[in-house]
Amino acid sequence: MEINKIAPQRVVSLSYSLTLNNGELADHASEEQPLMFIHGIGQTLPAFDEKLDGLAVGDTFSFTLTAEEGYGEASDQYMVELPKNIFEGEDVPADILQIGAILPMQDQDGNPMDGKVVEITDSTVMMDFNHPLAGEALSFEGKVLAVREATEEELDHGHVHGPGGHHH
């Protein structure tokens, strides 16, 4: 396969816009500040990778992923009622609880996750831990700007190094 085509373990640089069903622009990357990722190692949605596979530098793309191909449908199992007192204490800002606020939390194993405050009562807080784009079809339009082989170090670390990527 040609080196300038997208394939697993290659660093991809692209510009894109992500639009939701209601026409809202949810995300974008410009040619000046492109999205850079190592293709096929789980940094992007599997269906996103599949749609880009084989495209070459200069190619444009336009596709829509269903909610199932994206972040899945919103689920009630990710709606969690928590005791209000866990949001109180001297280390917690007094105004942290606001409807719509996105709060950094941890699951029972200590993994970071964001939750959205959806309801506050005298004793409980209802949090939504669904991905913010759950239930949404995701429409992407963009252009492939560059493709190169990932270095061994990038593959070992699981991210892009150098300009536009992660620096140590």
C-alpha atoms as a PDB file:
ATOM      1  CA  MET A   1       0.000   0.000   0.000  1.00  0.00           C
ATOM      2  CA  GLU A   2       1.199   3.498  -0.780  1.00  0.00           C
ATOM      3  CA  ILE A   3       2.786   5.360   2.104  1.00  0.00           C
ATOM      4  CA  ASN A   4       0.463   8.371   1.654  1.00  0.00           C
ATOM      5  CA  LYS A   5      -2.663   6.268   2.225  1.00  0.00           C
ATOM      6  CA  ILE A   6      -4.350   5.769   5.579  1.00  0.00           C
ATOM      7  CA  ALA A   7      -3.650   2.344   7.060  1.00  0.00           C
ATOM      8  CA  PRO A   8      -3.217   0.893  10.562  1.00  0.00           C
ATOM      9  CA  GLN A   9      -0.260   2.214  12.572  1.00  0.00           C
ATOM     10  CA  ARG A  10       0.138   5.309  10.409  1.00  0.00           C
ATOM     11  CA  VAL A  11      -0.046   8.834  11.779  1.00  0.00           C
ATOM     12  CA  VAL A  12      -2.966  10.661  10.185  1.00  0.00           C
ATOM     13  CA  SER A  13      -3.410  14.421  10.132  1.00  0.00           C
ATOM     14  CA  LEU A  14      -6.761  15.782   9.013  1.00  0.00           C
ATOM     15  CA  SER A  15      -9.078  18.741   9.156  1.00  0.00           C
ATOM     16  CA  TYR A  16     -12.742  18.061   9.793  1.00  0.00           C
ATOM     17  CA  SER A  17     -16.046  19.295  11.102  1.00  0.00           C
ATOM     18  CA  LEU A  18     -18.449  17.177  13.152  1.00  0.00           C
ATOM     19  CA  THR A  19     -22.117  18.109  12.892  1.00  0.00           C
ATOM     20  CA  LEU A  20     -25.035  16.648  14.848  1.00  0.00           C
ATOM     21  CA  ASN A  21     -28.580  15.892  13.625  1.00  0.00           C
ATOM     22  CA  ASN A  22     -29.817  19.334  14.676  1.00  0.00           C
ATOM     23  CA  GLY A  23     -27.108  21.007  12.582  1.00  0.00           C
ATOM     24  CA  GLU A  24     -25.012  21.966  15.626  1.00  0.00           C
ATOM     25  CA  LEU A  25     -21.251  22.000  15.046  1.00  0.00           C
ATOM     26  CA  ALA A  26     -19.996  19.691  17.813  1.00  0.00           C
ATOM     27  CA  ASP A  27     -16.270  19.690  17.012  1.00  0.00           C
ATOM     28  CA  HIS A  28     -13.764  20.678  14.359  1.00  0.00           C
ATOM     29  CA  ALA A  29     -10.068  20.721  13.517  1.00  0.00           C
ATOM     30  CA  SER A  30      -8.539  23.190  11.070  1.00  0.00           C
ATOM     31  CA  GLU A  31      -5.645  22.770   8.641  1.00  0.00           C
ATOM     32  CA  GLU A  32      -3.617  24.997  10.992  1.00  0.00           C
ATOM     33  CA  GLN A  33      -4.529  22.865  14.020  1.00  0.00           C
ATOM     34  CA  PRO A  34      -5.376  19.433  12.604  1.00  0.00           C
ATOM     35  CA  LEU A  35      -6.471  16.290  14.396  1.00  0.00           C
ATOM     36  CA  MET A  36      -3.493  13.936  14.562  1.00  0.00           C
ATOM     37  CA  PHE A  37      -3.822  10.310  15.621  1.00  0.00           C
ATOM     38  CA  ILE A  38      -2.370   6.876  15.061  1.00  0.00           C
ATOM     39  CA  HIS A  39      -4.841   5.045  12.844  1.00  0.00           C
ATOM     40  CA  GLY A  40      -6.276   1.707  13.948  1.00  0.00           C
ATOM     41  CA  ILE A  41      -5.073   1.584  17.580  1.00  0.00           C
ATOM     42  CA  GLY A  42      -8.282   2.699  19.285  1.00  0.00           C
ATOM     43  CA  GLN A  43      -7.678   6.451  19.479  1.00  0.00           C
ATOM     44  CA  THR A  44     -10.778   7.124  17.389  1.00  0.00           C
ATOM     45  CA  LEU A  45     -14.104   5.356  16.967  1.00  0.00           C
ATOM     46  CA  PRO A  46     -13.701   2.039  15.081  1.00  0.00           C
ATOM     47  CA  ALA A  47     -16.299   3.067  12.474  1.00  0.00           C
ATOM     48  CA  PHE A  48     -14.467   6.399  11.967  1.00  0.00           C
ATOM     49  CA  ASP A  49     -11.255   4.452  11.278  1.00  0.00           C
ATOM     50  CA  GLU A  50     -13.095   2.156   8.845  1.00  0.00           C
ATOM     51  CA  LYS A  51     -14.484   5.105   6.848  1.00  0.00           C
ATOM     52  CA  LEU A  52     -11.015   6.672   6.550  1.00  0.00           C
ATOM     53  CA  ASP A  53      -9.149   3.440   5.692  1.00  0.00           C
ATOM     54  CA  GLY A  54      -7.399   3.715   2.328  1.00  0.00           C
ATOM     55  CA  LEU A  55      -7.929   7.454   1.816  1.00  0.00           C
ATOM     56  CA  ALA A  56      -4.865   9.345   0.563  1.00  0.00           C
ATOM     57  CA  VAL A  57      -3.354  12.746   1.252  1.00  0.00           C
ATOM     58  CA  GLY A  58      -5.553  15.367  -0.412  1.00  0.00           C
ATOM     59  CA  ASP A  59      -8.696  13.219  -0.365  1.00  0.00           C
ATOM     60  CA  THR A  60     -11.851  14.696   1.111  1.00  0.00           C
ATOM     61  CA  PHE A  61     -14.420  12.730   3.064  1.00  0.00           C
ATOM     62  CA  SER A  62     -18.042  13.066   4.077  1.00  0.00           C
ATOM     63  CA  PHE A  63     -19.869  10.381   6.051  1.00  0.00           C
ATOM     64  CA  THR A  64     -22.310   9.884   8.884  1.00  0.00           C
ATOM     65  CA  LEU A  65     -21.958   7.400  11.713  1.00  0.00           C
ATOM     66  CA  THR A  66     -25.122   6.126  13.380  1.00  0.00           C
ATOM     67  CA  ALA A  67     -25.444   6.475  17.148  1.00  0.00           C
ATOM     68  CA  GLU A  68     -24.585   2.770  17.445  1.00  0.00           C
ATOM     69  CA  GLU A  69     -21.390   3.280  15.396  1.00  0.00           C
ATOM     70  CA  GLY A  70     -20.569   6.343  17.499  1.00  0.00           C
ATOM     71  CA  TYR A  71     -21.114   6.495  21.247  1.00  0.00           C
ATOM     72  CA  GLY A  72     -24.212   4.290  21.445  1.00  0.00           C
ATOM     73  CA  GLU A  73     -27.666   5.194  22.611  1.00  0.00           C
ATOM     74  CA  ALA A  74     -28.135   7.063  25.866  1.00  0.00           C
ATOM     75  CA  SER A  75     -28.943   4.579  28.625  1.00  0.00           C
ATOM     76  CA  ASP A  76     -30.746   4.903  31.946  1.00  0.00           C
ATOM     77  CA  GLN A  77     -28.083   2.649  33.488  1.00  0.00           C
ATOM     78  CA  TYR A  78     -25.691   5.624  33.263  1.00  0.00           C
ATOM     79  CA  MET A  79     -28.065   7.833  35.265  1.00  0.00           C
ATOM     80  CA  VAL A  80     -26.848   7.623  38.860  1.00  0.00           C
ATOM     81  CA  GLU A  81     -28.322   9.088  42.026  1.00  0.00           C
ATOM     82  CA  LEU A  82     -25.596  10.074  44.480  1.00  0.00           C
ATOM     83  CA  PRO A  83     -25.809  11.357  48.050  1.00  0.00           C
ATOM     84  CA  LYS A  84     -25.568  15.144  48.063  1.00  0.00           C
ATOM     85  CA  ASN A  85     -23.115  15.129  50.973  1.00  0.00           C
ATOM     86  CA  ILE A  86     -20.287  13.778  48.752  1.00  0.00           C
ATOM     87  CA  PHE A  87     -20.305  17.221  47.094  1.00  0.00           C
ATOM     88  CA  GLU A  88     -19.751  18.996  50.402  1.00  0.00           C
ATOM     89  CA  GLY A  89     -16.609  19.684  52.384  1.00  0.00           C
ATOM     90  CA  GLU A  90     -13.831  22.184  52.721  1.00  0.00           C
ATOM     91  CA  ASP A  91     -12.050  20.952  49.551  1.00  0.00           C
ATOM     92  CA  VAL A  92     -15.209  21.259  47.425  1.00  0.00           C
ATOM     93  CA  PRO A  93     -16.233  24.632  45.953  1.00  0.00           C
ATOM     94  CA  ALA A  94     -19.584  25.714  47.453  1.00  0.00           C
ATOM     95  CA  ASP A  95     -21.083  26.491  44.041  1.00  0.00           C
ATOM     96  CA  ILE A  96     -20.049  23.211  42.360  1.00  0.00           C
ATOM     97  CA  LEU A  97     -23.618  21.870  42.142  1.00  0.00           C
ATOM     98  CA  GLN A  98     -25.363  23.534  39.233  1.00  0.00           C
ATOM     99  CA  ILE A  99     -27.814  21.911  36.809  1.00  0.00           C
ATOM    100  CA  GLY A 100     -25.900  21.199  33.605  1.00  0.00           C
ATOM    101  CA  ALA A 101     -22.463  21.344  35.239  1.00  0.00           C
ATOM    102  CA  ILE A 102     -19.975  18.722  34.056  1.00  0.00           C
ATOM    103  CA  LEU A 103     -18.076  17.388  37.052  1.00  0.00           C
ATOM    104  CA  PRO A 104     -14.927  15.243  37.039  1.00  0.00           C
ATOM    105  CA  MET A 105     -15.679  12.054  38.966  1.00  0.00           C
ATOM    106  CA  GLN A 106     -14.225   8.560  39.400  1.00  0.00           C
ATOM    107  CA  ASP A 107     -15.829   5.165  39.096  1.00  0.00           C
ATOM    108  CA  GLN A 108     -15.468   2.497  41.810  1.00  0.00           C
ATOM    109  CA  ASP A 109     -12.111   1.473  40.316  1.00  0.00           C
ATOM    110  CA  GLY A 110     -10.705   5.011  40.350  1.00  0.00           C
ATOM    111  CA  ASN A 111     -11.046   5.579  36.599  1.00  0.00           C
ATOM    112  CA  PRO A 112     -11.784   9.209  35.687  1.00  0.00           C
ATOM    113  CA  MET A 113     -15.155   9.987  34.129  1.00  0.00           C
ATOM    114  CA  ASP A 114     -17.264  13.094  33.648  1.00  0.00           C
ATOM    115  CA  GLY A 115     -20.807  13.357  34.923  1.00  0.00           C
ATOM    116  CA  LYS A 116     -23.447  15.950  34.153  1.00  0.00           C
ATOM    117  CA  VAL A 117     -25.617  17.267  36.995  1.00  0.00           C
ATOM    118  CA  VAL A 118     -29.254  16.819  35.910  1.00  0.00           C
ATOM    119  CA  GLU A 119     -31.217  17.124  39.174  1.00  0.00           C
ATOM    120  CA  ILE A 120     -30.531  18.306  42.720  1.00  0.00           C
ATOM    121  CA  THR A 121     -32.742  17.544  45.724  1.00  0.00           C
ATOM    122  CA  ASP A 122     -32.225  18.216  49.426  1.00  0.00           C
ATOM    123  CA  SER A 123     -30.361  14.921  49.863  1.00  0.00           C
ATOM    124  CA  THR A 124     -29.385  13.603  46.401  1.00  0.00           C
ATOM    125  CA  VAL A 125     -27.816  14.602  43.112  1.00  0.00           C
ATOM    126  CA  MET A 126     -28.803  12.871  39.857  1.00  0.00           C
ATOM    127  CA  MET A 127     -25.800  12.533  37.526  1.00  0.00           C
ATOM    128  CA  ASP A 128     -25.770  11.534  33.864  1.00  0.00           C
ATOM    129  CA  PHE A 129     -22.660   9.543  32.933  1.00  0.00           C
ATOM    130  CA  ASN A 130     -23.692   8.885  29.315  1.00  0.00           C
ATOM    131  CA  HIS A 131     -21.168  10.159  26.762  1.00  0.00           C
ATOM    132  CA  PRO A 132     -22.228  13.698  25.731  1.00  0.00           C
ATOM    133  CA  LEU A 133     -22.725  12.465  22.145  1.00  0.00           C
ATOM    134  CA  ALA A 134     -24.632   9.280  23.058  1.00  0.00           C
ATOM    135  CA  GLY A 135     -27.766   8.933  20.947  1.00  0.00           C
ATOM    136  CA  GLU A 136     -26.410  11.235  18.236  1.00  0.00           C
ATOM    137  CA  ALA A 137     -25.676  10.489  14.599  1.00  0.00           C
ATOM    138  CA  LEU A 138     -22.269  12.002  13.831  1.00  0.00           C
ATOM    139  CA  SER A 139     -21.718  13.662  10.442  1.00  0.00           C
ATOM    140  CA  PHE A 140     -18.079  14.238   9.485  1.00  0.00           C
ATOM    141  CA  GLU A 141     -16.694  16.273   6.598  1.00  0.00           C
ATOM    142  CA  GLY A 142     -13.013  16.885   6.096  1.00  0.00           C
ATOM    143  CA  LYS A 143      -9.750  16.468   4.267  1.00  0.00           C
ATOM    144  CA  VAL A 144      -6.723  14.217   4.723  1.00  0.00           C
ATOM    145  CA  LEU A 145      -3.725  16.519   5.190  1.00  0.00           C
ATOM    146  CA  ALA A 146      -0.843  14.125   5.844  1.00  0.00           C
ATOM    147  CA  VAL A 147      -0.098  10.439   6.416  1.00  0.00           C
ATOM    148  CA  ARG A 148       3.175   8.931   7.625  1.00  0.00           C
ATOM    149  CA  GLU A 149       4.428   5.789   9.313  1.00  0.00           C
ATOM    150  CA  ALA A 150       4.237   5.968  13.117  1.00  0.00           C
ATOM    151  CA  THR A 151       7.591   5.670  14.850  1.00  0.00           C
ATOM    152  CA  GLU A 152       8.291   2.754  17.194  1.00  0.00           C
ATOM    153  CA  GLU A 153       8.274   5.221  20.100  1.00  0.00           C
ATOM    154  CA  GLU A 154       4.843   6.560  19.090  1.00  0.00           C
ATOM    155  CA  LEU A 155       3.474   3.022  18.831  1.00  0.00           C
ATOM    156  CA  ASP A 156       5.002   2.108  22.218  1.00  0.00           C
ATOM    157  CA  HIS A 157       3.515   5.227  23.847  1.00  0.00           C
ATOM    158  CA  GLY A 158       0.200   5.017  21.975  1.00  0.00           C
ATOM    159  CA  HIS A 159       0.169   8.630  20.767  1.00  0.00           C
ATOM    160  CA  VAL A 160       1.678  11.003  18.200  1.00  0.00           C
ATOM    161  CA  HIS A 161       4.917  12.833  19.051  1.00  0.00           C
ATOM    162  CA  GLY A 162       6.373  15.999  17.538  1.00  0.00           C
ATOM    163  CA  PRO A 163       4.613  19.009  15.992  1.00  0.00           C
ATOM    164  CA  GLY A 164       0.883  18.815  16.603  1.00  0.00           C
ATOM    165  CA  GLY A 165       1.324  15.742  18.783  1.00  0.00           C
ATOM    166  CA  HIS A 166       2.363  15.024  22.348  1.00  0.00           C
ATOM    167  CA  HIS A 167       5.741  16.268  23.548  1.00  0.00           C
ATOM    168  CA  HIS A 168       7.721  14.810  26.451  1.00  0.00           C
END
